[in-house]
Amino acid sequence: MDEIRTENNIASTPQSQQAEADERKLLRRLQMMMNMVMQVIAQDGSLTVDEASRMISDAREAALAMFPGKELAYDLIWKPRFQRLMVERFRLQ
């Protein structure tokens, strides 16, 4: 009797497992990078608004280089976090 391939069987191929592992690795790197940027902005008292803005811009460029075409995801997940941080840190309105 022939084995029926389901989505679960297809998803467990070595290539797809490697692709999933690679994506998880990229996501961990992205999270670490974004958290580091946020920590520096929050904790470095000598940082200016312009320097913090540049760090956020550079982090966005790096994120989109890691995940091309995911501008909407960045704008929904990370942009509000950075905006809140900038308001709290520099008392912006």
Protein backbone atom coordinates (compact mmCIF):
# COMPACT_ATOMS: atom_id res chain seq x y z
CA MET A 1 0.00 0.00 0.00
CA ASP A 2 1.35 3.42 -0.95
CA GLU A 3 2.02 5.90 1.82
CA ILE A 4 -0.14 8.99 1.59
CA ARG A 5 1.93 12.15 1.98
CA THR A 6 0.33 14.72 4.22
CA GLU A 7 1.40 18.28 4.87
CA ASN A 8 3.14 17.07 8.02
CA ASN A 9 5.17 14.53 6.08
CA ILE A 10 6.16 17.13 3.50
CA ALA A 11 7.06 19.65 6.17
CA SER A 12 9.43 17.20 7.81
CA THR A 13 11.78 16.83 4.85
CA PRO A 14 15.42 17.59 5.61
CA GLN A 15 15.36 20.66 3.37
CA SER A 16 12.33 22.17 5.06
CA GLN A 17 13.73 21.38 8.50
CA GLN A 18 16.93 23.20 7.57
CA ALA A 19 14.96 26.15 6.20
CA GLU A 20 12.94 26.35 9.43
CA ALA A 21 16.12 26.16 11.52
CA ASP A 22 17.69 28.92 9.42
CA GLU A 23 14.64 31.14 9.85
CA ARG A 24 14.58 30.56 13.63
CA LYS A 25 18.27 31.50 13.74
CA LEU A 26 17.60 34.72 11.81
CA LEU A 27 14.67 35.55 14.09
CA ARG A 28 16.84 35.08 17.18
CA ARG A 29 19.49 37.35 15.67
CA LEU A 30 16.88 39.96 14.83
CA GLN A 31 15.42 39.85 18.35
CA MET A 32 18.86 40.12 19.91
CA MET A 33 19.81 43.04 17.67
CA MET A 34 16.58 44.93 18.34
CA ASN A 35 16.83 44.32 22.08
CA MET A 36 20.41 45.60 22.11
CA VAL A 37 19.42 48.76 20.24
CA MET A 38 16.55 49.34 22.67
CA GLN A 39 18.81 48.79 25.69
CA VAL A 40 21.43 51.22 24.43
CA ILE A 41 18.80 53.88 23.76
CA ALA A 42 17.22 53.34 27.17
CA GLN A 43 20.44 53.22 29.19
CA ASP A 44 22.97 55.53 27.51
CA GLY A 45 22.41 58.92 29.07
CA SER A 46 24.76 60.66 26.66
CA LEU A 47 22.86 59.52 23.56
CA THR A 48 21.17 62.31 21.60
CA VAL A 49 17.80 62.10 19.87
CA ASP A 50 19.54 62.19 16.49
CA GLU A 51 21.91 59.36 17.43
CA ALA A 52 19.03 57.24 18.74
CA SER A 53 17.02 57.92 15.59
CA ARG A 54 19.97 56.88 13.45
CA MET A 55 20.36 53.66 15.45
CA ILE A 56 16.68 52.86 14.89
CA SER A 57 17.01 53.60 11.18
CA ASP A 58 20.07 51.36 10.91
CA ALA A 59 18.30 48.60 12.83
CA ARG A 60 15.34 48.83 10.42
CA GLU A 61 17.62 48.58 7.41
CA ALA A 62 19.36 45.54 8.92
CA ALA A 63 16.03 43.88 9.74
CA LEU A 64 14.75 44.38 6.21
CA ALA A 65 18.02 43.06 4.80
CA MET A 66 17.50 39.92 6.89
CA PHE A 67 13.81 39.65 5.94
CA PRO A 68 13.23 41.37 2.58
CA GLY A 69 9.68 42.46 1.88
CA LYS A 70 8.63 42.42 5.53
CA GLU A 71 8.19 46.17 5.96
CA LEU A 72 4.63 45.72 7.23
CA ALA A 73 5.76 43.24 9.88
CA TYR A 74 8.47 45.68 11.01
CA ASP A 75 5.98 48.54 11.13
CA LEU A 76 3.53 46.48 13.20
CA ILE A 77 5.99 44.88 15.62
CA TRP A 78 9.09 47.02 16.08
CA LYS A 79 8.13 50.56 15.08
CA PRO A 80 5.62 51.05 17.93
CA ARG A 81 8.15 49.73 20.44
CA PHE A 82 10.81 52.16 19.24
CA GLN A 83 8.31 55.01 19.22
CA ARG A 84 7.29 54.31 22.84
CA LEU A 85 10.94 54.09 23.85
CA MET A 86 11.78 57.40 22.20
CA VAL A 87 8.80 59.10 23.90
CA GLU A 88 9.80 57.70 27.30
CA ARG A 89 13.52 58.33 26.92
CA PHE A 90 13.46 61.79 25.35
CA ARG A 91 10.02 62.98 26.51
CA LEU A 92 8.87 63.38 22.92
CA GLN A 93 5.25 63.96 21.95
